[in-house]
Amino acid sequence: QVQLVESGGGWVQAGGSLRLSCAASGRTFRSYVMGWYRQAPGKEREFVAAVTWSRGLTTYADSVKGRFTISADDAKNTVFLQMNNLKPEDTAVYYCAAGSAGDYWGQGTQVTVSS
């Protein structure tokens, strides 16, 4: 089992920044690729970014490249998503996930960007 707890969401004006955190626990979480997804009202959940533990290999959705940075802190068992130059279209509930197929999910954290 893997447990994921997100934090760091909130409200920000366009152009601002937020940093999301995802604390991971459980016996096997290091064997999973970690990712962030988001779901806006009336839309399907979409991939945002992913990172591997230890090597820190990353991948991003085109819509966030150059603005978002994902990282994994092995010592803190935490994955971060630094979001800069936020846009109103980034407004969504952001979810942390373990596994490329979304094997485990956190509860989600709301991010609201006003214009």
PDB file of N, CA and C in Angstrom:
ATOM      1  N   GLN A   1       0.822  -1.192   0.000  1.00  0.00           N
ATOM      2  CA  GLN A   1       0.000   0.000   0.000  1.00  0.00           C
ATOM      3  C   GLN A   1       0.864   1.253   0.000  1.00  0.00           C
ATOM      4  N   VAL A   2       0.384   2.280  -0.653  1.00  0.00           N
ATOM      5  CA  VAL A   2       1.054   3.572  -0.712  1.00  0.00           C
ATOM      6  C   VAL A   2       0.057   4.640  -0.281  1.00  0.00           C
ATOM      7  N   GLN A   3       0.499   5.540   0.572  1.00  0.00           N
ATOM      8  CA  GLN A   3      -0.345   6.650   1.002  1.00  0.00           C
ATOM      9  C   GLN A   3       0.270   7.952   0.489  1.00  0.00           C
ATOM     10  N   LEU A   4      -0.591   8.815  -0.022  1.00  0.00           N
ATOM     11  CA  LEU A   4      -0.148  10.092  -0.584  1.00  0.00           C
ATOM     12  C   LEU A   4      -0.976  11.221   0.006  1.00  0.00           C
ATOM     13  N   VAL A   5      -0.314  12.253   0.495  1.00  0.00           N
ATOM     14  CA  VAL A   5      -1.009  13.390   1.082  1.00  0.00           C
ATOM     15  C   VAL A   5      -0.481  14.669   0.445  1.00  0.00           C
ATOM     16  N   GLU A   6      -1.401  15.374  -0.245  1.00  0.00           N
ATOM     17  CA  GLU A   6      -1.015  16.619  -0.915  1.00  0.00           C
ATOM     18  C   GLU A   6      -1.249  17.814  -0.002  1.00  0.00           C
ATOM     19  N   SER A   7      -0.510  18.872  -0.271  1.00  0.00           N
ATOM     20  CA  SER A   7      -0.721  20.149   0.411  1.00  0.00           C
ATOM     21  C   SER A   7      -0.163  21.261  -0.476  1.00  0.00           C
ATOM     22  N   GLY A   8      -0.518  22.497  -0.140  1.00  0.00           N
ATOM     23  CA  GLY A   8       0.070  23.640  -0.819  1.00  0.00           C
ATOM     24  C   GLY A   8      -0.822  24.338  -1.832  1.00  0.00           C
ATOM     25  N   GLY A   9      -2.023  23.848  -2.028  1.00  0.00           N
ATOM     26  CA  GLY A   9      -2.926  24.520  -2.953  1.00  0.00           C
ATOM     27  C   GLY A   9      -3.416  25.829  -2.372  1.00  0.00           C
ATOM     28  N   GLY A  10      -4.139  26.595  -3.182  1.00  0.00           N
ATOM     29  CA  GLY A  10      -4.679  27.853  -2.713  1.00  0.00           C
ATOM     30  C   GLY A  10      -5.106  28.738  -3.865  1.00  0.00           C
ATOM     31  N   TRP A  11      -5.241  30.008  -3.543  1.00  0.00           N
ATOM     32  CA  TRP A  11      -5.682  31.007  -4.523  1.00  0.00           C
ATOM     33  C   TRP A  11      -4.516  31.922  -4.840  1.00  0.00           C
ATOM     34  N   VAL A  12      -4.380  32.269  -6.126  1.00  0.00           N
ATOM     35  CA  VAL A  12      -3.304  33.157  -6.527  1.00  0.00           C
ATOM     36  C   VAL A  12      -3.749  33.929  -7.761  1.00  0.00           C
ATOM     37  N   GLN A  13      -3.217  35.099  -7.936  1.00  0.00           N
ATOM     38  CA  GLN A  13      -3.524  35.873  -9.146  1.00  0.00           C
ATOM     39  C   GLN A  13      -2.673  35.382 -10.315  1.00  0.00           C
ATOM     40  N   ALA A  14      -3.150  35.623 -11.510  1.00  0.00           N
ATOM     41  CA  ALA A  14      -2.411  35.225 -12.705  1.00  0.00           C
ATOM     42  C   ALA A  14      -1.003  35.812 -12.666  1.00  0.00           C
ATOM     43  N   GLY A  15      -0.033  34.996 -13.036  1.00  0.00           N
ATOM     44  CA  GLY A  15       1.357  35.397 -12.982  1.00  0.00           C
ATOM     45  C   GLY A  15       2.048  35.011 -11.690  1.00  0.00           C
ATOM     46  N   GLY A  16       1.278  34.594 -10.706  1.00  0.00           N
ATOM     47  CA  GLY A  16       1.840  34.220  -9.423  1.00  0.00           C
ATOM     48  C   GLY A  16       2.370  32.801  -9.396  1.00  0.00           C
ATOM     49  N   SER A  17       2.795  32.364  -8.200  1.00  0.00           N
ATOM     50  CA  SER A  17       3.404  31.050  -8.026  1.00  0.00           C
ATOM     51  C   SER A  17       2.805  30.318  -6.837  1.00  0.00           C
ATOM     52  N   LEU A  18       2.831  29.004  -6.919  1.00  0.00           N
ATOM     53  CA  LEU A  18       2.461  28.124  -5.812  1.00  0.00           C
ATOM     54  C   LEU A  18       3.363  26.911  -5.864  1.00  0.00           C
ATOM     55  N   ARG A  19       3.562  26.293  -4.701  1.00  0.00           N
ATOM     56  CA  ARG A  19       4.309  25.033  -4.661  1.00  0.00           C
ATOM     57  C   ARG A  19       3.456  23.980  -3.976  1.00  0.00           C
ATOM     58  N   LEU A  20       3.205  22.901  -4.685  1.00  0.00           N
ATOM     59  CA  LEU A  20       2.465  21.775  -4.134  1.00  0.00           C
ATOM     60  C   LEU A  20       3.430  20.730  -3.603  1.00  0.00           C
ATOM     61  N   SER A  21       3.008  20.067  -2.526  1.00  0.00           N
ATOM     62  CA  SER A  21       3.802  18.992  -1.944  1.00  0.00           C
ATOM     63  C   SER A  21       2.972  17.723  -1.883  1.00  0.00           C
ATOM     64  N   CYS A  22       3.652  16.599  -2.012  1.00  0.00           N
ATOM     65  CA  CYS A  22       3.001  15.295  -1.908  1.00  0.00           C
ATOM     66  C   CYS A  22       3.887  14.411  -1.038  1.00  0.00           C
ATOM     67  N   ALA A  23       3.431  14.146   0.184  1.00  0.00           N
ATOM     68  CA  ALA A  23       4.174  13.295   1.105  1.00  0.00           C
ATOM     69  C   ALA A  23       3.775  11.844   0.873  1.00  0.00           C
ATOM     70  N   ALA A  24       4.762  11.007   0.593  1.00  0.00           N
ATOM     71  CA  ALA A  24       4.500   9.603   0.293  1.00  0.00           C
ATOM     72  C   ALA A  24       4.934   8.713   1.445  1.00  0.00           C
ATOM     73  N   SER A  25       4.179   7.645   1.676  1.00  0.00           N
ATOM     74  CA  SER A  25       4.540   6.666   2.698  1.00  0.00           C
ATOM     75  C   SER A  25       4.049   5.297   2.261  1.00  0.00           C
ATOM     76  N   GLY A  26       4.544   4.284   2.968  1.00  0.00           N
ATOM     77  CA  GLY A  26       4.205   2.924   2.594  1.00  0.00           C
ATOM     78  C   GLY A  26       5.447   2.160   2.201  1.00  0.00           C
ATOM     79  N   ARG A  27       5.350   0.849   2.159  1.00  0.00           N
ATOM     80  CA  ARG A  27       6.545   0.021   1.958  1.00  0.00           C
ATOM     81  C   ARG A  27       7.098   0.111   0.550  1.00  0.00           C
ATOM     82  N   THR A  28       6.243   0.397  -0.434  1.00  0.00           N
ATOM     83  CA  THR A  28       6.679   0.226  -1.819  1.00  0.00           C
ATOM     84  C   THR A  28       6.685   1.501  -2.653  1.00  0.00           C
ATOM     85  N   PHE A  29       6.487   2.664  -2.040  1.00  0.00           N
ATOM     86  CA  PHE A  29       6.277   3.862  -2.856  1.00  0.00           C
ATOM     87  C   PHE A  29       7.486   4.192  -3.728  1.00  0.00           C
ATOM     88  N   ARG A  30       8.702   3.811  -3.302  1.00  0.00           N
ATOM     89  CA  ARG A  30       9.882   4.154  -4.102  1.00  0.00           C
ATOM     90  C   ARG A  30       9.970   3.365  -5.397  1.00  0.00           C
ATOM     91  N   SER A  31       9.159   2.364  -5.549  1.00  0.00           N
ATOM     92  CA  SER A  31       9.185   1.595  -6.784  1.00  0.00           C
ATOM     93  C   SER A  31       8.301   2.211  -7.869  1.00  0.00           C
ATOM     94  N   TYR A  32       7.605   3.294  -7.530  1.00  0.00           N
ATOM     95  CA  TYR A  32       6.667   3.907  -8.461  1.00  0.00           C
ATOM     96  C   TYR A  32       7.184   5.220  -9.021  1.00  0.00           C
ATOM     97  N   VAL A  33       6.877   5.472 -10.272  1.00  0.00           N
ATOM     98  CA  VAL A  33       7.010   6.807 -10.832  1.00  0.00           C
ATOM     99  C   VAL A  33       5.947   7.683 -10.170  1.00  0.00           C
ATOM    100  N   MET A  34       6.327   8.892  -9.801  1.00  0.00           N
ATOM    101  CA  MET A  34       5.393   9.804  -9.141  1.00  0.00           C
ATOM    102  C   MET A  34       4.935  10.876 -10.116  1.00  0.00           C
ATOM    103  N   GLY A  35       3.669  11.194 -10.053  1.00  0.00           N
ATOM    104  CA  GLY A  35       3.144  12.175 -10.999  1.00  0.00           C
ATOM    105  C   GLY A  35       2.153  13.130 -10.378  1.00  0.00           C
ATOM    106  N   TRP A  36       1.944  14.229 -11.067  1.00  0.00           N
ATOM    107  CA  TRP A  36       0.879  15.181 -10.739  1.00  0.00           C
ATOM    108  C   TRP A  36      -0.106  15.200 -11.898  1.00  0.00           C
ATOM    109  N   TYR A  37      -1.374  15.184 -11.562  1.00  0.00           N
ATOM    110  CA  TYR A  37      -2.461  15.294 -12.516  1.00  0.00           C
ATOM    111  C   TYR A  37      -3.373  16.416 -12.041  1.00  0.00           C
ATOM    112  N   ARG A  38      -4.243  16.866 -12.933  1.00  0.00           N
ATOM    113  CA  ARG A  38      -5.210  17.887 -12.531  1.00  0.00           C
ATOM    114  C   ARG A  38      -6.540  17.661 -13.230  1.00  0.00           C
ATOM    115  N   GLN A  39      -7.588  18.139 -12.580  1.00  0.00           N
ATOM    116  CA  GLN A  39      -8.931  18.033 -13.152  1.00  0.00           C
ATOM    117  C   GLN A  39      -9.669  19.336 -12.941  1.00  0.00           C
ATOM    118  N   ALA A  40      -9.988  19.983 -14.035  1.00  0.00           N
ATOM    119  CA  ALA A  40     -10.751  21.225 -13.989  1.00  0.00           C
ATOM    120  C   ALA A  40     -12.244  20.893 -14.044  1.00  0.00           C
ATOM    121  N   PRO A  41     -13.094  21.798 -13.585  1.00  0.00           N
ATOM    122  CA  PRO A  41     -14.544  21.538 -13.602  1.00  0.00           C
ATOM    123  C   PRO A  41     -15.040  21.202 -15.006  1.00  0.00           C
ATOM    124  N   GLY A  42     -15.772  20.117 -15.120  1.00  0.00           N
ATOM    125  CA  GLY A  42     -16.339  19.724 -16.396  1.00  0.00           C
ATOM    126  C   GLY A  42     -15.364  19.092 -17.366  1.00  0.00           C
ATOM    127  N   LYS A  43     -14.131  18.862 -16.932  1.00  0.00           N
ATOM    128  CA  LYS A  43     -13.122  18.283 -17.810  1.00  0.00           C
ATOM    129  C   LYS A  43     -12.585  16.985 -17.231  1.00  0.00           C
ATOM    130  N   GLU A  44     -11.936  16.208 -18.092  1.00  0.00           N
ATOM    131  CA  GLU A  44     -11.335  14.966 -17.620  1.00  0.00           C
ATOM    132  C   GLU A  44     -10.010  15.256 -16.915  1.00  0.00           C
ATOM    133  N   ARG A  45      -9.610  14.317 -16.074  1.00  0.00           N
ATOM    134  CA  ARG A  45      -8.327  14.445 -15.407  1.00  0.00           C
ATOM    135  C   ARG A  45      -7.214  14.355 -16.450  1.00  0.00           C
ATOM    136  N   GLU A  46      -6.203  15.228 -16.318  1.00  0.00           N
ATOM    137  CA  GLU A  46      -5.115  15.234 -17.286  1.00  0.00           C
ATOM    138  C   GLU A  46      -3.763  15.190 -16.600  1.00  0.00           C
ATOM    139  N   PHE A  47      -2.806  14.633 -17.319  1.00  0.00           N
ATOM    140  CA  PHE A  47      -1.432  14.532 -16.828  1.00  0.00           C
ATOM    141  C   PHE A  47      -0.780  15.914 -16.812  1.00  0.00           C
ATOM    142  N   VAL A  48       0.019  16.166 -15.755  1.00  0.00           N
ATOM    143  CA  VAL A  48       0.757  17.425 -15.656  1.00  0.00           C
ATOM    144  C   VAL A  48       2.269  17.177 -15.732  1.00  0.00           C
ATOM    145  N   ALA A  49       2.769  16.330 -14.852  1.00  0.00           N
ATOM    146  CA  ALA A  49       4.217  16.090 -14.809  1.00  0.00           C
ATOM    147  C   ALA A  49       4.487  14.811 -14.038  1.00  0.00           C
ATOM    148  N   ALA A  50       5.679  14.231 -14.263  1.00  0.00           N
ATOM    149  CA  ALA A  50       6.069  13.023 -13.554  1.00  0.00           C
ATOM    150  C   ALA A  50       7.565  13.054 -13.261  1.00  0.00           C
ATOM    151  N   VAL A  51       7.959  12.308 -12.217  1.00  0.00           N
ATOM    152  CA  VAL A  51       9.363  12.266 -11.803  1.00  0.00           C
ATOM    153  C   VAL A  51       9.661  10.897 -11.207  1.00  0.00           C
ATOM    154  N   THR A  52      10.923  10.455 -11.361  1.00  0.00           N
ATOM    155  CA  THR A  52      11.341   9.204 -10.733  1.00  0.00           C
ATOM    156  C   THR A  52      12.139   9.508  -9.475  1.00  0.00           C
ATOM    157  N   TRP A  53      12.026   8.637  -8.484  1.00  0.00           N
ATOM    158  CA  TRP A  53      12.872   8.750  -7.293  1.00  0.00           C
ATOM    159  C   TRP A  53      14.318   8.492  -7.690  1.00  0.00           C
ATOM    160  N   SER A  54      15.227   8.987  -6.894  1.00  0.00           N
ATOM    161  CA  SER A  54      16.683   8.802  -7.027  1.00  0.00           C
ATOM    162  C   SER A  54      17.269   9.513  -8.254  1.00  0.00           C
ATOM    163  N   ARG A  55      16.928   9.052  -9.467  1.00  0.00           N
ATOM    164  CA  ARG A  55      17.528   9.665 -10.669  1.00  0.00           C
ATOM    165  C   ARG A  55      16.881  10.989 -11.016  1.00  0.00           C
ATOM    166  N   GLY A  56      15.643  11.203 -10.537  1.00  0.00           N
ATOM    167  CA  GLY A  56      14.988  12.475 -10.798  1.00  0.00           C
ATOM    168  C   GLY A  56      14.668  12.744 -12.250  1.00  0.00           C
ATOM    169  N   LEU A  57      14.408  11.714 -13.041  1.00  0.00           N
ATOM    170  CA  LEU A  57      14.024  11.914 -14.438  1.00  0.00           C
ATOM    171  C   LEU A  57      12.632  12.526 -14.487  1.00  0.00           C
ATOM    172  N   THR A  58      12.430  13.481 -15.368  1.00  0.00           N
ATOM    173  CA  THR A  58      11.164  14.203 -15.390  1.00  0.00           C
ATOM    174  C   THR A  58      10.535  14.218 -16.783  1.00  0.00           C
ATOM    175  N   THR A  59       9.220  14.411 -16.794  1.00  0.00           N
ATOM    176  CA  THR A  59       8.488  14.614 -18.032  1.00  0.00           C
ATOM    177  C   THR A  59       7.318  15.550 -17.728  1.00  0.00           C
ATOM    178  N   TYR A  60       6.906  16.346 -18.752  1.00  0.00           N
ATOM    179  CA  TYR A  60       5.893  17.368 -18.552  1.00  0.00           C
ATOM    180  C   TYR A  60       4.882  17.376 -19.683  1.00  0.00           C
ATOM    181  N   ALA A  61       3.679  17.805 -19.354  1.00  0.00           N
ATOM    182  CA  ALA A  61       2.699  18.107 -20.387  1.00  0.00           C
ATOM    183  C   ALA A  61       3.135  19.386 -21.098  1.00  0.00           C
ATOM    184  N   ASP A  62       2.836  19.483 -22.382  1.00  0.00           N
ATOM    185  CA  ASP A  62       3.240  20.659 -23.155  1.00  0.00           C
ATOM    186  C   ASP A  62       2.690  21.953 -22.559  1.00  0.00           C
ATOM    187  N   SER A  63       1.508  21.876 -21.969  1.00  0.00           N
ATOM    188  CA  SER A  63       0.838  23.076 -21.460  1.00  0.00           C
ATOM    189  C   SER A  63       1.555  23.699 -20.262  1.00  0.00           C
ATOM    190  N   VAL A  64       2.438  22.943 -19.611  1.00  0.00           N
ATOM    191  CA  VAL A  64       3.104  23.468 -18.416  1.00  0.00           C
ATOM    192  C   VAL A  64       4.619  23.563 -18.573  1.00  0.00           C
ATOM    193  N   LYS A  65       5.161  23.099 -19.677  1.00  0.00           N
ATOM    194  CA  LYS A  65       6.619  23.151 -19.883  1.00  0.00           C
ATOM    195  C   LYS A  65       7.119  24.581 -19.791  1.00  0.00           C
ATOM    196  N   GLY A  66       8.215  24.738 -19.059  1.00  0.00           N
ATOM    197  CA  GLY A  66       8.793  26.064 -18.889  1.00  0.00           C
ATOM    198  C   GLY A  66       8.192  26.859 -17.757  1.00  0.00           C
ATOM    199  N   ARG A  67       7.063  26.405 -17.205  1.00  0.00           N
ATOM    200  CA  ARG A  67       6.424  27.114 -16.089  1.00  0.00           C
ATOM    201  C   ARG A  67       6.405  26.277 -14.818  1.00  0.00           C
ATOM    202  N   PHE A  68       6.239  24.972 -14.941  1.00  0.00           N
ATOM    203  CA  PHE A  68       6.163  24.074 -13.787  1.00  0.00           C
ATOM    204  C   PHE A  68       7.446  23.256 -13.686  1.00  0.00           C
ATOM    205  N   THR A  69       7.825  22.943 -12.446  1.00  0.00           N
ATOM    206  CA  THR A  69       8.976  22.081 -12.208  1.00  0.00           C
ATOM    207  C   THR A  69       8.603  21.031 -11.172  1.00  0.00           C
ATOM    208  N   ILE A  70       8.795  19.763 -11.520  1.00  0.00           N
ATOM    209  CA  ILE A  70       8.536  18.679 -10.591  1.00  0.00           C
ATOM    210  C   ILE A  70       9.861  18.167 -10.052  1.00  0.00           C
ATOM    211  N   SER A  71       9.878  17.810  -8.779  1.00  0.00           N
ATOM    212  CA  SER A  71      11.095  17.277  -8.173  1.00  0.00           C
ATOM    213  C   SER A  71      10.727  16.292  -7.073  1.00  0.00           C
ATOM    214  N   ALA A  72      11.675  15.428  -6.749  1.00  0.00           N
ATOM    215  CA  ALA A  72      11.467  14.433  -5.702  1.00  0.00           C
ATOM    216  C   ALA A  72      12.595  14.538  -4.696  1.00  0.00           C
ATOM    217  N   ASP A  73      12.238  14.729  -3.430  1.00  0.00           N
ATOM    218  CA  ASP A  73      13.217  14.805  -2.347  1.00  0.00           C
ATOM    219  C   ASP A  73      13.249  13.444  -1.654  1.00  0.00           C
ATOM    220  N   ASP A  74      14.301  12.677  -1.934  1.00  0.00           N
ATOM    221  CA  ASP A  74      14.381  11.325  -1.382  1.00  0.00           C
ATOM    222  C   ASP A  74      14.443  11.322   0.141  1.00  0.00           C
ATOM    223  N   ALA A  75      15.124  12.290   0.712  1.00  0.00           N
ATOM    224  CA  ALA A  75      15.292  12.324   2.174  1.00  0.00           C
ATOM    225  C   ALA A  75      13.972  12.612   2.880  1.00  0.00           C
ATOM    226  N   LYS A  76      13.106  13.398   2.219  1.00  0.00           N
ATOM    227  CA  LYS A  76      11.832  13.778   2.842  1.00  0.00           C
ATOM    228  C   LYS A  76      10.664  12.939   2.340  1.00  0.00           C
ATOM    229  N   ASN A  77      10.936  12.007   1.412  1.00  0.00           N
ATOM    230  CA  ASN A  77       9.864  11.188   0.837  1.00  0.00           C
ATOM    231  C   ASN A  77       8.738  12.066   0.287  1.00  0.00           C
ATOM    232  N   THR A  78       9.112  13.147  -0.335  1.00  0.00           N
ATOM    233  CA  THR A  78       8.139  14.134  -0.787  1.00  0.00           C
ATOM    234  C   THR A  78       8.413  14.532  -2.236  1.00  0.00           C
ATOM    235  N   VAL A  79       7.345  14.678  -2.982  1.00  0.00           N
ATOM    236  CA  VAL A  79       7.412  15.163  -4.356  1.00  0.00           C
ATOM    237  C   VAL A  79       6.823  16.569  -4.386  1.00  0.00           C
ATOM    238  N   PHE A  80       7.501  17.451  -5.102  1.00  0.00           N
ATOM    239  CA  PHE A  80       7.057  18.829  -5.179  1.00  0.00           C
ATOM    240  C   PHE A  80       6.660  19.192  -6.615  1.00  0.00           C
ATOM    241  N   LEU A  81       5.743  20.148  -6.728  1.00  0.00           N
ATOM    242  CA  LEU A  81       5.422  20.733  -8.020  1.00  0.00           C
ATOM    243  C   LEU A  81       5.475  22.247  -7.841  1.00  0.00           C
ATOM    244  N   GLN A  82       6.527  22.845  -8.344  1.00  0.00           N
ATOM    245  CA  GLN A  82       6.660  24.300  -8.320  1.00  0.00           C
ATOM    246  C   GLN A  82       5.972  24.860  -9.555  1.00  0.00           C
ATOM    247  N   MET A  83       5.003  25.719  -9.333  1.00  0.00           N
ATOM    248  CA  MET A  83       4.202  26.273 -10.426  1.00  0.00           C
ATOM    249  C   MET A  83       4.418  27.775 -10.497  1.00  0.00           C
ATOM    250  N   ASN A  84       5.008  28.237 -11.571  1.00  0.00           N
ATOM    251  CA  ASN A  84       5.266  29.660 -11.782  1.00  0.00           C
ATOM    252  C   ASN A  84       4.459  30.182 -12.957  1.00  0.00           C
ATOM    253  N   ASN A  85       4.330  31.497 -13.006  1.00  0.00           N
ATOM    254  CA  ASN A  85       3.587  32.144 -14.093  1.00  0.00           C
ATOM    255  C   ASN A  85       2.233  31.460 -14.308  1.00  0.00           C
ATOM    256  N   LEU A  86       1.502  31.314 -13.232  1.00  0.00           N
ATOM    257  CA  LEU A  86       0.223  30.619 -13.299  1.00  0.00           C
ATOM    258  C   LEU A  86      -0.792  31.383 -14.135  1.00  0.00           C
ATOM    259  N   LYS A  87      -1.642  30.625 -14.815  1.00  0.00           N
ATOM    260  CA  LYS A  87      -2.674  31.181 -15.681  1.00  0.00           C
ATOM    261  C   LYS A  87      -4.047  30.735 -15.198  1.00  0.00           C
ATOM    262  N   PRO A  88      -5.100  31.477 -15.517  1.00  0.00           N
ATOM    263  CA  PRO A  88      -6.445  31.050 -15.096  1.00  0.00           C
ATOM    264  C   PRO A  88      -6.776  29.629 -15.554  1.00  0.00           C
ATOM    265  N   GLU A  89      -6.266  29.223 -16.688  1.00  0.00           N
ATOM    266  CA  GLU A  89      -6.555  27.873 -17.183  1.00  0.00           C
ATOM    267  C   GLU A  89      -5.840  26.782 -16.388  1.00  0.00           C
ATOM    268  N   ASP A  90      -4.973  27.158 -15.457  1.00  0.00           N
ATOM    269  CA  ASP A  90      -4.352  26.187 -14.562  1.00  0.00           C
ATOM    270  C   ASP A  90      -5.256  25.858 -13.380  1.00  0.00           C
ATOM    271  N   THR A  91      -6.362  26.566 -13.232  1.00  0.00           N
ATOM    272  CA  THR A  91      -7.298  26.311 -12.144  1.00  0.00           C
ATOM    273  C   THR A  91      -7.833  24.896 -12.233  1.00  0.00           C
ATOM    274  N   ALA A  92      -7.684  24.140 -11.150  1.00  0.00           N
ATOM    275  CA  ALA A  92      -8.093  22.734 -11.135  1.00  0.00           C
ATOM    276  C   ALA A  92      -7.830  22.157  -9.751  1.00  0.00           C
ATOM    277  N   VAL A  93      -8.333  20.957  -9.539  1.00  0.00           N
ATOM    278  CA  VAL A  93      -7.900  20.157  -8.393  1.00  0.00           C
ATOM    279  C   VAL A  93      -6.686  19.360  -8.855  1.00  0.00           C
ATOM    280  N   TYR A  94      -5.605  19.473  -8.110  1.00  0.00           N
ATOM    281  CA  TYR A  94      -4.364  18.804  -8.451  1.00  0.00           C
ATOM    282  C   TYR A  94      -4.204  17.554  -7.577  1.00  0.00           C
ATOM    283  N   TYR A  95      -3.877  16.446  -8.246  1.00  0.00           N
ATOM    284  CA  TYR A  95      -3.746  15.171  -7.573  1.00  0.00           C
ATOM    285  C   TYR A  95      -2.329  14.631  -7.726  1.00  0.00           C
ATOM    286  N   CYS A  96      -1.814  14.082  -6.659  1.00  0.00           N
ATOM    287  CA  CYS A  96      -0.555  13.350  -6.696  1.00  0.00           C
ATOM    288  C   CYS A  96      -0.885  11.884  -6.950  1.00  0.00           C
ATOM    289  N   ALA A  97      -0.054  11.228  -7.744  1.00  0.00           N
ATOM    290  CA  ALA A  97      -0.290   9.823  -8.061  1.00  0.00           C
ATOM    291  C   ALA A  97       1.009   9.045  -8.024  1.00  0.00           C
ATOM    292  N   ALA A  98       0.917   7.786  -7.645  1.00  0.00           N
ATOM    293  CA  ALA A  98       2.055   6.869  -7.683  1.00  0.00           C
ATOM    294  C   ALA A  98       1.772   5.812  -8.738  1.00  0.00           C
ATOM    295  N   GLY A  99       2.717   5.630  -9.664  1.00  0.00           N
ATOM    296  CA  GLY A  99       2.535   4.647 -10.721  1.00  0.00           C
ATOM    297  C   GLY A  99       2.094   5.310 -12.004  1.00  0.00           C
ATOM    298  N   SER A 100       2.657   4.870 -13.129  1.00  0.00           N
ATOM    299  CA  SER A 100       2.325   5.459 -14.428  1.00  0.00           C
ATOM    300  C   SER A 100       0.881   5.202 -14.815  1.00  0.00           C
ATOM    301  N   ALA A 101       0.276   4.193 -14.224  1.00  0.00           N
ATOM    302  CA  ALA A 101      -1.137   3.903 -14.491  1.00  0.00           C
ATOM    303  C   ALA A 101      -2.040   4.453 -13.399  1.00  0.00           C
ATOM    304  N   GLY A 102      -1.486   5.286 -12.530  1.00  0.00           N
ATOM    305  CA  GLY A 102      -2.300   5.847 -11.462  1.00  0.00           C
ATOM    306  C   GLY A 102      -2.722   4.796 -10.451  1.00  0.00           C
ATOM    307  N   ASP A 103      -1.747   4.020  -9.981  1.00  0.00           N
ATOM    308  CA  ASP A 103      -2.063   2.946  -9.042  1.00  0.00           C
ATOM    309  C   ASP A 103      -2.604   3.478  -7.709  1.00  0.00           C
ATOM    310  N   TYR A 104      -2.041   4.589  -7.258  1.00  0.00           N
ATOM    311  CA  TYR A 104      -2.469   5.200  -5.993  1.00  0.00           C
ATOM    312  C   TYR A 104      -2.649   6.700  -6.204  1.00  0.00           C
ATOM    313  N   TRP A 105      -3.647   7.266  -5.500  1.00  0.00           N
ATOM    314  CA  TRP A 105      -3.954   8.684  -5.636  1.00  0.00           C
ATOM    315  C   TRP A 105      -4.053   9.341  -4.274  1.00  0.00           C
ATOM    316  N   GLY A 106      -3.675  10.627  -4.246  1.00  0.00           N
ATOM    317  CA  GLY A 106      -3.929  11.424  -3.070  1.00  0.00           C
ATOM    318  C   GLY A 106      -5.341  11.981  -3.126  1.00  0.00           C
ATOM    319  N   GLN A 107      -5.685  12.790  -2.115  1.00  0.00           N
ATOM    320  CA  GLN A 107      -7.053  13.306  -2.010  1.00  0.00           C
ATOM    321  C   GLN A 107      -7.291  14.532  -2.872  1.00  0.00           C
ATOM    322  N   GLY A 108      -6.220  15.152  -3.343  1.00  0.00           N
ATOM    323  CA  GLY A 108      -6.343  16.331  -4.203  1.00  0.00           C
ATOM    324  C   GLY A 108      -6.245  17.621  -3.419  1.00  0.00           C
ATOM    325  N   THR A 109      -5.773  18.658  -4.102  1.00  0.00           N
ATOM    326  CA  THR A 109      -5.686  19.990  -3.504  1.00  0.00           C
ATOM    327  C   THR A 109      -6.100  21.015  -4.561  1.00  0.00           C
ATOM    328  N   GLN A 110      -6.923  21.974  -4.149  1.00  0.00           N
ATOM    329  CA  GLN A 110      -7.480  22.936  -5.092  1.00  0.00           C
ATOM    330  C   GLN A 110      -6.488  24.056  -5.378  1.00  0.00           C
ATOM    331  N   VAL A 111      -6.336  24.372  -6.655  1.00  0.00           N
ATOM    332  CA  VAL A 111      -5.558  25.520  -7.097  1.00  0.00           C
ATOM    333  C   VAL A 111      -6.484  26.426  -7.904  1.00  0.00           C
ATOM    334  N   THR A 112      -6.591  27.677  -7.490  1.00  0.00           N
ATOM    335  CA  THR A 112      -7.446  28.640  -8.174  1.00  0.00           C
ATOM    336  C   THR A 112      -6.603  29.832  -8.605  1.00  0.00           C
ATOM    337  N   VAL A 113      -6.625  30.137  -9.893  1.00  0.00           N
ATOM    338  CA  VAL A 113      -5.861  31.259 -10.439  1.00  0.00           C
ATOM    339  C   VAL A 113      -6.851  32.273 -10.998  1.00  0.00           C
ATOM    340  N   SER A 114      -6.828  33.469 -10.462  1.00  0.00           N
ATOM    341  CA  SER A 114      -7.750  34.499 -10.917  1.00  0.00           C
ATOM    342  C   SER A 114      -7.062  35.411 -11.931  1.00  0.00           C
ATOM    343  N   SER A 115      -7.865  35.923 -12.846  1.00  0.00           N
ATOM    344  CA  SER A 115      -7.307  36.791 -13.900  1.00  0.00           C
ATOM    345  C   SER A 115      -7.285  38.247 -13.468  1.00  0.00           C
TER     346      SER A 115
END
